[in-house]
C-alpha atoms as a PDB file:
ATOM      1  CA  MET A   1      56.398 144.315  50.060  1.00  0.00           C
ATOM      2  CA  LYS A   2      57.317 141.188  52.014  1.00  0.00           C
ATOM      3  CA  LYS A   3      54.938 140.247  54.823  1.00  0.00           C
ATOM      4  CA  PRO A   4      55.899 137.836  57.617  1.00  0.00           C
ATOM      5  CA  TYR A   5      52.670 135.924  57.026  1.00  0.00           C
ATOM      6  CA  ASP A   6      49.711 136.000  54.683  1.00  0.00           C
ATOM      7  CA  CYS A   7      46.566 137.184  56.478  1.00  0.00           C
ATOM      8  CA  GLU A   8      43.280 136.245  54.877  1.00  0.00           C
ATOM      9  CA  HIS A   9      41.702 139.409  56.303  1.00  0.00           C
ATOM     10  CA  ARG A  10      44.191 141.660  54.438  1.00  0.00           C
ATOM     11  CA  GLY A  11      42.210 143.164  51.594  1.00  0.00           C
ATOM     12  CA  PRO A  12      43.339 145.201  48.581  1.00  0.00           C
ATOM     13  CA  ASP A  13      42.342 148.387  50.427  1.00  0.00           C
ATOM     14  CA  ILE A  14      45.104 147.727  53.001  1.00  0.00           C
ATOM     15  CA  GLU A  15      47.735 147.283  50.304  1.00  0.00           C
ATOM     16  CA  GLU A  16      46.558 150.532  48.699  1.00  0.00           C
ATOM     17  CA  LYS A  17      46.864 152.378  52.034  1.00  0.00           C
ATOM     18  CA  GLU A  18      50.387 151.007  52.568  1.00  0.00           C
ATOM     19  CA  LYS A  19      51.517 153.197  49.675  1.00  0.00           C
ATOM     20  CA  PHE A  20      51.039 156.220  51.969  1.00  0.00           C
ATOM     21  CA  LEU A  21      53.346 154.942  54.725  1.00  0.00           C
ATOM     22  CA  LYS A  22      56.625 156.772  55.217  1.00  0.00           C
ATOM     23  CA  PRO A  23      59.812 154.732  55.774  1.00  0.00           C
ATOM     24  CA  CYS A  24      60.617 153.678  59.326  1.00  0.00           C
ATOM     25  CA  PRO A  25      61.773 156.666  61.415  1.00  0.00           C
ATOM     26  CA  PHE A  26      64.426 154.505  63.103  1.00  0.00           C
ATOM     27  CA  CYS A  27      66.054 152.539  60.289  1.00  0.00           C
ATOM     28  CA  GLY A  28      64.456 153.749  57.034  1.00  0.00           C
ATOM     29  CA  GLY A  29      62.957 150.308  56.343  1.00  0.00           C
ATOM     30  CA  SER A  30      59.661 149.597  54.602  1.00  0.00           C
ATOM     31  CA  ALA A  31      56.499 149.377  56.671  1.00  0.00           C
ATOM     32  CA  TRP A  32      53.339 147.306  56.368  1.00  0.00           C
ATOM     33  CA  ILE A  33      49.865 147.360  57.902  1.00  0.00           C
ATOM     34  CA  ASP A  34      47.975 144.603  59.665  1.00  0.00           C
ATOM     35  CA  GLU A  35      44.457 144.685  61.062  1.00  0.00           C
ATOM     36  CA  ILE A  36      42.788 142.547  63.666  1.00  0.00           C
ATOM     37  CA  PRO A  37      39.093 142.543  62.807  1.00  0.00           C
ATOM     38  CA  PRO A  38      36.456 142.848  65.558  1.00  0.00           C
ATOM     39  CA  HIS A  39      35.750 139.477  67.118  1.00  0.00           C
ATOM     40  CA  THR A  40      34.432 137.602  70.127  1.00  0.00           C
ATOM     41  CA  HIS A  41      36.596 135.113  71.983  1.00  0.00           C
ATOM     42  CA  VAL A  42      34.769 131.803  71.938  1.00  0.00           C
ATOM     43  CA  PHE A  43      37.136 129.480  73.759  1.00  0.00           C
ATOM     44  CA  PHE A  44      38.521 131.932  76.318  1.00  0.00           C
ATOM     45  CA  THR A  45      35.313 133.497  77.589  1.00  0.00           C
ATOM     46  CA  ASP A  46      37.061 135.497  80.328  1.00  0.00           C
ATOM     47  CA  ILE A  47      38.785 137.640  77.649  1.00  0.00           C
ATOM     48  CA  PRO A  48      36.706 140.660  76.584  1.00  0.00           C
ATOM     49  CA  ASP A  49      35.498 141.062  73.001  1.00  0.00           C
ATOM     50  CA  CYS A  50      37.924 142.773  70.631  1.00  0.00           C
ATOM     51  CA  ASP A  51      36.671 145.913  68.873  1.00  0.00           C
ATOM     52  CA  GLY A  52      39.416 145.564  66.275  1.00  0.00           C
ATOM     53  CA  GLU A  53      42.827 147.195  66.021  1.00  0.00           C
ATOM     54  CA  SER A  54      45.340 148.233  63.364  1.00  0.00           C
ATOM     55  CA  PHE A  55      49.129 148.031  63.435  1.00  0.00           C
ATOM     56  CA  VAL A  56      52.055 149.318  61.370  1.00  0.00           C
ATOM     57  CA  PHE A  57      55.285 147.322  61.544  1.00  0.00           C
ATOM     58  CA  CYS A  58      58.746 147.963  60.127  1.00  0.00           C
ATOM     59  CA  GLU A  59      59.846 144.863  58.258  1.00  0.00           C
ATOM     60  CA  ASN A  60      63.495 145.645  59.005  1.00  0.00           C
ATOM     61  CA  CYS A  61      63.824 146.616  62.686  1.00  0.00           C
ATOM     62  CA  SER A  62      60.369 145.555  63.999  1.00  0.00           C
ATOM     63  CA  ALA A  63      59.388 149.045  65.208  1.00  0.00           C
ATOM     64  CA  ALA A  64      55.599 149.197  65.519  1.00  0.00           C
ATOM     65  CA  VAL A  65      52.625 151.374  66.455  1.00  0.00           C
ATOM     66  CA  SER A  66      48.977 150.502  67.028  1.00  0.00           C
ATOM     67  CA  ALA A  67      45.673 152.370  66.960  1.00  0.00           C
ATOM     68  CA  ASP A  68      41.940 151.717  66.774  1.00  0.00           C
ATOM     69  CA  THR A  69      41.658 152.350  63.013  1.00  0.00           C
ATOM     70  CA  THR A  70      43.867 152.037  59.954  1.00  0.00           C
ATOM     71  CA  ASP A  71      43.702 155.773  59.254  1.00  0.00           C
ATOM     72  CA  GLU A  72      44.776 156.554  62.826  1.00  0.00           C
ATOM     73  CA  VAL A  73      47.705 154.150  62.730  1.00  0.00           C
ATOM     74  CA  ILE A  74      48.928 155.561  59.405  1.00  0.00           C
ATOM     75  CA  SER A  75      48.803 159.072  60.880  1.00  0.00           C
ATOM     76  CA  LEU A  76      50.742 157.948  63.984  1.00  0.00           C
ATOM     77  CA  TRP A  77      53.370 156.156  61.914  1.00  0.00           C
ATOM     78  CA  ASN A  78      53.871 159.073  59.536  1.00  0.00           C
ATOM     79  CA  ARG A  79      54.095 161.681  62.312  1.00  0.00           C
ATOM     80  CA  ARG A  80      57.646 162.745  62.994  1.00  0.00           C
ATOM     81  CA  ALA A  81      58.876 164.552  66.130  1.00  0.00           C
END
């Protein structure tokens, strides 16, 4: 699956979990997962620490959802109205 950029924090477990993603509910395109690991902002000290977050993006139409964990974001993405 094509990713817009190569993230060094993307491990093989993320690629394995991507196999469970349904196609985009809007266009039928393929989806991919990205995670922002927990971190502290060093240069911009007025920004609060990040507890981490996960995202699913459609590589075709750019639809996206976010959640606190990878399992949560997969569940949100795969849920259909």
